[in-house]
Protein backbone atom coordinates (compact mmCIF):
# COMPACT_ATOMS: atom_id res chain seq x y z
CA MET A 1 -50.17 67.07 242.48
CA CYS A 2 -51.48 64.30 240.28
CA LEU A 3 -53.14 61.41 242.07
CA PHE A 4 -52.45 58.96 239.26
CA LEU A 5 -49.07 57.80 237.99
CA TYR A 6 -48.68 56.64 234.44
CA ASP A 7 -45.90 54.48 232.98
CA ASP A 8 -44.34 57.41 231.10
CA ASP A 9 -44.35 59.84 234.06
CA PRO A 10 -40.88 60.27 235.55
CA GLU A 11 -40.46 60.21 239.28
CA PRO A 12 -39.23 63.51 240.75
CA GLU A 13 -35.80 62.08 241.60
CA GLU A 14 -35.26 60.45 238.20
CA ARG A 15 -32.64 61.96 235.94
CA VAL A 16 -34.46 63.15 232.85
CA PRO A 17 -32.39 64.63 230.01
CA ALA A 18 -32.69 68.41 230.11
CA GLY A 19 -31.29 69.02 226.62
CA PRO A 20 -28.60 71.58 225.78
CA LEU A 21 -28.00 73.97 228.67
CA TYR A 22 -26.48 77.41 229.16
CA VAL A 23 -23.95 76.79 231.92
CA PRO A 24 -22.41 79.62 233.98
CA ALA A 25 -18.65 79.70 233.48
CA ARG A 26 -15.78 82.08 233.99
CA PRO A 27 -12.74 82.61 231.80
CA GLY A 28 -9.73 80.54 232.76
CA GLY A 29 -6.98 81.45 230.33
CA GLU A 30 -7.60 79.60 227.08
CA LYS A 31 -10.37 77.53 228.66
CA ALA A 32 -13.63 78.17 230.46
CA VAL A 33 -14.01 77.17 234.11
CA LEU A 34 -17.29 75.69 235.30
CA ARG A 35 -19.00 77.63 238.11
CA LEU A 36 -20.48 75.52 240.88
CA PHE A 37 -23.07 76.71 243.36
CA ARG A 38 -24.64 75.61 246.65
CA THR A 39 -28.24 74.73 247.34
CA PRO A 40 -30.03 76.47 250.24
CA LEU A 41 -29.06 73.45 252.36
CA GLY A 42 -25.38 73.83 251.44
CA GLU A 43 -24.97 70.95 249.00
CA ARG A 44 -22.77 71.64 245.98
CA THR A 45 -24.57 71.65 242.65
CA ALA A 46 -23.86 72.24 238.99
CA VAL A 47 -26.31 74.68 237.42
CA GLY A 48 -27.69 74.93 233.90
CA PHE A 49 -30.31 77.13 232.30
CA THR A 50 -32.61 76.31 229.40
CA THR A 51 -32.40 79.83 227.91
CA PRO A 52 -29.81 82.62 228.07
CA GLU A 53 -32.58 84.95 229.28
CA ARG A 54 -33.19 82.81 232.36
CA LEU A 55 -29.46 82.76 233.07
CA SER A 56 -29.27 86.56 232.79
CA ALA A 57 -32.36 87.06 234.94
CA THR A 58 -30.86 84.95 237.71
CA LEU A 59 -27.13 85.73 237.54
CA GLY A 60 -27.02 89.06 235.72
CA ALA A 61 -26.36 90.12 232.14
CA ALA A 62 -22.57 90.12 232.63
CA GLN A 63 -22.45 86.39 233.49
CA THR A 64 -20.50 84.45 230.88
CA TRP A 65 -21.68 80.98 229.89
CA ILE A 66 -20.89 77.96 227.79
CA ARG A 67 -23.30 75.65 226.02
CA LEU A 68 -23.18 72.04 227.27
CA SER A 69 -25.40 69.00 227.18
CA GLU A 70 -26.65 67.67 230.48
CA SER A 71 -24.42 64.60 230.21
CA ALA A 72 -21.33 66.75 229.52
CA LEU A 73 -22.13 68.97 232.52
CA ARG A 74 -22.53 65.93 234.76
CA ALA A 75 -19.25 64.48 233.42
CA LEU A 76 -17.38 67.72 234.22
CA ALA A 77 -18.85 68.02 237.72
CA ALA A 78 -18.50 64.36 238.75
CA PRO A 79 -14.69 64.37 239.32
CA LEU A 80 -15.23 67.30 241.70
CA GLY A 81 -17.65 65.24 243.77
CA VAL A 82 -20.71 67.12 242.53
CA THR A 83 -23.58 64.81 241.57
CA LEU A 84 -26.50 67.23 241.87
CA LEU A 85 -27.66 69.21 238.82
CA THR A 86 -30.05 72.13 239.18
CA VAL A 87 -31.84 73.34 236.05
CA ASP A 88 -33.29 76.86 235.91
CA PRO A 89 -32.90 77.82 239.56
CA SER A 90 -34.96 80.88 240.41
CA LEU A 91 -34.30 81.53 244.09
CA THR A 92 -31.25 83.72 244.56
CA ALA A 93 -29.98 86.14 247.13
CA PRO A 94 -30.56 89.83 246.44
CA PRO A 95 -27.65 91.69 244.84
CA VAL A 96 -25.03 93.05 247.21
CA ALA A 97 -25.25 96.81 247.73
CA THR A 98 -22.26 98.61 246.24
CA ALA A 99 -22.66 101.78 248.28
CA PRO A 100 -20.36 101.91 251.32
CA VAL A 101 -21.99 101.50 254.69
CA THR A 102 -21.22 104.27 257.19
CA VAL A 103 -21.06 103.23 260.82
CA THR A 104 -21.01 105.90 263.50
CA PRO A 105 -19.68 105.07 266.95
CA ALA A 106 -22.14 105.07 269.81
CA ALA A 107 -22.20 108.15 272.03
CA ARG A 108 -20.57 106.59 275.08
CA PRO A 109 -17.09 106.70 276.57
CA GLY A 110 -14.64 104.29 274.96
CA ALA A 111 -16.63 103.87 271.75
CA GLY A 112 -14.87 104.24 268.42
CA PRO A 113 -11.88 102.61 266.77
CA LEU A 114 -9.70 100.35 268.83
CA SER A 115 -6.29 101.70 269.68
CA ARG A 116 -3.26 99.77 270.84
CA THR A 117 -1.98 100.65 274.28
CA ALA A 118 1.44 99.71 275.51
């Protein structure tokens, strides 16, 4: 952390233009639909990445995207009540395992699937 502030240093909460962003989107017919995410505290946020490689590293190579300026992304998210913009997020949950999980019932009387009794 720098001990000295200079006139040209932005404050951490200031909105500084991020430039053109790669924004996660999904197909929506003839249009693309903006994907919104949640922060670790649960607040809704729009997300943009500065490079397609960063987007792929975080969301996977199959993630589709559109190219938008920061102001255009904010304008699209604002009517949805989303005011927060996260650029290049790196903390994500691990991928979900695709292998089925096998659960064996405990070795005690009454264990196993529930059955309906009349």
